[in-house]
Amino acid sequence: MLLAILLPFLSFMVRGKIITGVICLILQITLIGWLPAAIWAVLSLNNARADKRTDKLIKAMRNNQK
């Protein structure tokens, strides 16, 4: 989470989203763009974590139905 706030573009690149990381870096180069880039990275990270939790719950529910 700290990486997403301090270096938003690196947060994307570590997760394998290279093109998104480059776009974020371009946005981040401007001083005004730093805040939107950090917010974007944090929201993206939270969405990825939520997707993993959802997939895990769906898998558990399917295993319980069998």
N, C-alpha and C. Protein backbone atom coordinates (compact mmCIF):
# COMPACT_ATOMS: atom_id res chain seq x y z
N MET A 1 0.83 -1.19 0.00
CA MET A 1 0.00 0.00 0.00
C MET A 1 0.88 1.25 0.00
N LEU A 2 1.94 1.21 0.78
CA LEU A 2 2.85 2.35 0.83
C LEU A 2 3.51 2.60 -0.52
N LEU A 3 3.84 1.52 -1.22
CA LEU A 3 4.42 1.64 -2.56
C LEU A 3 3.44 2.30 -3.51
N ALA A 4 2.17 1.98 -3.39
CA ALA A 4 1.15 2.57 -4.26
C ALA A 4 1.00 4.07 -4.01
N ILE A 5 1.26 4.50 -2.81
CA ILE A 5 1.14 5.92 -2.49
C ILE A 5 2.40 6.68 -2.89
N LEU A 6 3.57 6.14 -2.57
CA LEU A 6 4.82 6.84 -2.83
C LEU A 6 5.27 6.75 -4.28
N LEU A 7 5.18 5.57 -4.86
CA LEU A 7 5.60 5.35 -6.25
C LEU A 7 4.50 4.60 -7.00
N PRO A 8 3.43 5.30 -7.37
CA PRO A 8 2.29 4.63 -7.97
C PRO A 8 2.62 3.81 -9.21
N PHE A 9 3.49 4.33 -10.08
CA PHE A 9 3.80 3.60 -11.31
C PHE A 9 4.48 2.28 -11.00
N LEU A 10 5.30 2.24 -9.97
CA LEU A 10 6.00 1.02 -9.60
C LEU A 10 5.03 -0.02 -9.04
N SER A 11 4.00 0.43 -8.39
CA SER A 11 2.98 -0.48 -7.88
C SER A 11 2.33 -1.26 -9.02
N PHE A 12 2.06 -0.58 -10.13
CA PHE A 12 1.48 -1.27 -11.29
C PHE A 12 2.48 -2.23 -11.91
N MET A 13 3.72 -1.79 -12.04
CA MET A 13 4.73 -2.62 -12.70
C MET A 13 5.05 -3.88 -11.90
N VAL A 14 5.04 -3.78 -10.58
CA VAL A 14 5.30 -4.95 -9.74
C VAL A 14 4.20 -5.99 -9.93
N ARG A 15 2.98 -5.53 -10.17
CA ARG A 15 1.85 -6.45 -10.36
C ARG A 15 1.73 -6.94 -11.80
N GLY A 16 2.69 -6.55 -12.66
CA GLY A 16 2.69 -7.05 -14.03
C GLY A 16 1.92 -6.23 -15.02
N LYS A 17 1.49 -5.05 -14.64
CA LYS A 17 0.74 -4.18 -15.53
C LYS A 17 1.68 -3.09 -16.06
N ILE A 18 2.52 -3.47 -17.02
CA ILE A 18 3.60 -2.61 -17.49
C ILE A 18 3.06 -1.38 -18.22
N ILE A 19 2.12 -1.58 -19.14
CA ILE A 19 1.58 -0.45 -19.91
C ILE A 19 0.85 0.52 -19.00
N THR A 20 0.08 0.00 -18.07
CA THR A 20 -0.60 0.86 -17.10
C THR A 20 0.42 1.61 -16.25
N GLY A 21 1.52 0.95 -15.89
CA GLY A 21 2.57 1.59 -15.12
C GLY A 21 3.22 2.74 -15.88
N VAL A 22 3.43 2.56 -17.18
CA VAL A 22 4.02 3.62 -18.00
C VAL A 22 3.06 4.80 -18.10
N ILE A 23 1.78 4.53 -18.30
CA ILE A 23 0.78 5.60 -18.36
C ILE A 23 0.74 6.34 -17.02
N CYS A 24 0.79 5.61 -15.94
CA CYS A 24 0.80 6.22 -14.61
C CYS A 24 2.05 7.06 -14.40
N LEU A 25 3.18 6.59 -14.89
CA LEU A 25 4.43 7.35 -14.77
C LEU A 25 4.33 8.66 -15.54
N ILE A 26 3.75 8.63 -16.73
CA ILE A 26 3.57 9.85 -17.51
C ILE A 26 2.67 10.83 -16.75
N LEU A 27 1.61 10.32 -16.16
CA LEU A 27 0.73 11.17 -15.36
C LEU A 27 1.46 11.70 -14.13
N GLN A 28 2.30 10.87 -13.56
CA GLN A 28 3.00 11.21 -12.33
C GLN A 28 4.08 12.26 -12.55
N ILE A 29 4.60 12.38 -13.77
CA ILE A 29 5.67 13.33 -14.05
C ILE A 29 5.25 14.76 -13.74
N THR A 30 3.99 15.07 -13.97
CA THR A 30 3.51 16.40 -13.63
C THR A 30 3.21 16.44 -12.14
N LEU A 31 3.45 17.56 -11.53
CA LEU A 31 3.21 17.69 -10.09
C LEU A 31 1.73 17.55 -9.77
N ILE A 32 0.88 18.08 -10.62
CA ILE A 32 -0.56 17.98 -10.41
C ILE A 32 -1.04 16.54 -10.57
N GLY A 33 -0.36 15.78 -11.42
CA GLY A 33 -0.76 14.41 -11.69
C GLY A 33 -0.37 13.41 -10.63
N TRP A 34 0.48 13.81 -9.69
CA TRP A 34 0.94 12.86 -8.67
C TRP A 34 -0.22 12.36 -7.80
N LEU A 35 -1.06 13.24 -7.35
CA LEU A 35 -2.18 12.84 -6.49
C LEU A 35 -3.16 11.91 -7.22
N PRO A 36 -3.60 12.25 -8.43
CA PRO A 36 -4.48 11.31 -9.14
C PRO A 36 -3.80 9.96 -9.41
N ALA A 37 -2.52 9.98 -9.70
CA ALA A 37 -1.80 8.72 -9.94
C ALA A 37 -1.76 7.87 -8.68
N ALA A 38 -1.52 8.49 -7.53
CA ALA A 38 -1.49 7.75 -6.27
C ALA A 38 -2.87 7.19 -5.92
N ILE A 39 -3.90 7.99 -6.14
CA ILE A 39 -5.26 7.52 -5.87
C ILE A 39 -5.61 6.37 -6.79
N TRP A 40 -5.25 6.49 -8.06
CA TRP A 40 -5.50 5.44 -9.05
C TRP A 40 -4.81 4.14 -8.63
N ALA A 41 -3.56 4.22 -8.21
CA ALA A 41 -2.81 3.04 -7.82
C ALA A 41 -3.41 2.38 -6.58
N VAL A 42 -3.80 3.16 -5.60
CA VAL A 42 -4.40 2.61 -4.38
C VAL A 42 -5.74 1.94 -4.69
N LEU A 43 -6.57 2.60 -5.48
CA LEU A 43 -7.86 2.01 -5.84
C LEU A 43 -7.68 0.73 -6.65
N SER A 44 -6.73 0.73 -7.55
CA SER A 44 -6.46 -0.46 -8.35
C SER A 44 -5.99 -1.62 -7.47
N LEU A 45 -5.13 -1.31 -6.52
CA LEU A 45 -4.65 -2.34 -5.61
C LEU A 45 -5.80 -2.90 -4.76
N ASN A 46 -6.65 -2.04 -4.26
CA ASN A 46 -7.80 -2.49 -3.47
C ASN A 46 -8.76 -3.33 -4.31
N ASN A 47 -8.98 -2.93 -5.56
CA ASN A 47 -9.85 -3.71 -6.44
C ASN A 47 -9.26 -5.08 -6.73
N ALA A 48 -7.96 -5.15 -6.93
CA ALA A 48 -7.32 -6.44 -7.18
C ALA A 48 -7.46 -7.36 -5.96
N ARG A 49 -7.28 -6.79 -4.78
CA ARG A 49 -7.43 -7.59 -3.56
C ARG A 49 -8.88 -8.06 -3.39
N ALA A 50 -9.83 -7.20 -3.70
CA ALA A 50 -11.24 -7.56 -3.59
C ALA A 50 -11.59 -8.66 -4.60
N ASP A 51 -11.04 -8.58 -5.79
CA ASP A 51 -11.28 -9.62 -6.79
C ASP A 51 -10.75 -10.97 -6.33
N LYS A 52 -9.57 -10.98 -5.71
CA LYS A 52 -9.01 -12.23 -5.20
C LYS A 52 -9.89 -12.81 -4.09
N ARG A 53 -10.39 -11.94 -3.19
CA ARG A 53 -11.28 -12.41 -2.12
C ARG A 53 -12.57 -12.98 -2.70
N THR A 54 -13.11 -12.31 -3.68
CA THR A 54 -14.35 -12.77 -4.31
C THR A 54 -14.15 -14.12 -4.99
N ASP A 55 -13.05 -14.27 -5.73
CA ASP A 55 -12.76 -15.55 -6.38
C ASP A 55 -12.60 -16.66 -5.37
N LYS A 56 -11.95 -16.35 -4.26
CA LYS A 56 -11.76 -17.35 -3.21
C LYS A 56 -13.10 -17.76 -2.60
N LEU A 57 -13.99 -16.80 -2.37
CA LEU A 57 -15.32 -17.11 -1.82
C LEU A 57 -16.16 -17.94 -2.79
N ILE A 58 -16.10 -17.59 -4.06
CA ILE A 58 -16.86 -18.34 -5.07
C ILE A 58 -16.36 -19.77 -5.14
N LYS A 59 -15.04 -19.94 -5.10
CA LYS A 59 -14.46 -21.28 -5.15
C LYS A 59 -14.89 -22.09 -3.92
N ALA A 60 -14.88 -21.46 -2.77
CA ALA A 60 -15.29 -22.14 -1.53
C ALA A 60 -16.76 -22.54 -1.59
N MET A 61 -17.59 -21.65 -2.13
CA MET A 61 -19.03 -21.94 -2.22
C MET A 61 -19.28 -23.10 -3.19
N ARG A 62 -18.54 -23.13 -4.28
CA ARG A 62 -18.71 -24.22 -5.25
C ARG A 62 -18.25 -25.55 -4.66
N ASN A 63 -17.19 -25.52 -3.86
CA ASN A 63 -16.70 -26.76 -3.23
C ASN A 63 -17.67 -27.28 -2.19
N ASN A 64 -18.39 -26.38 -1.51
CA ASN A 64 -19.35 -26.78 -0.49
C ASN A 64 -20.62 -27.35 -1.09
N GLN A 65 -20.93 -27.00 -2.31
CA GLN A 65 -22.16 -27.48 -2.95
C GLN A 65 -22.01 -28.93 -3.43
N LYS A 66 -20.81 -29.37 -3.60
CA LYS A 66 -20.59 -30.74 -4.13
C LYS A 66 -20.76 -31.78 -3.08
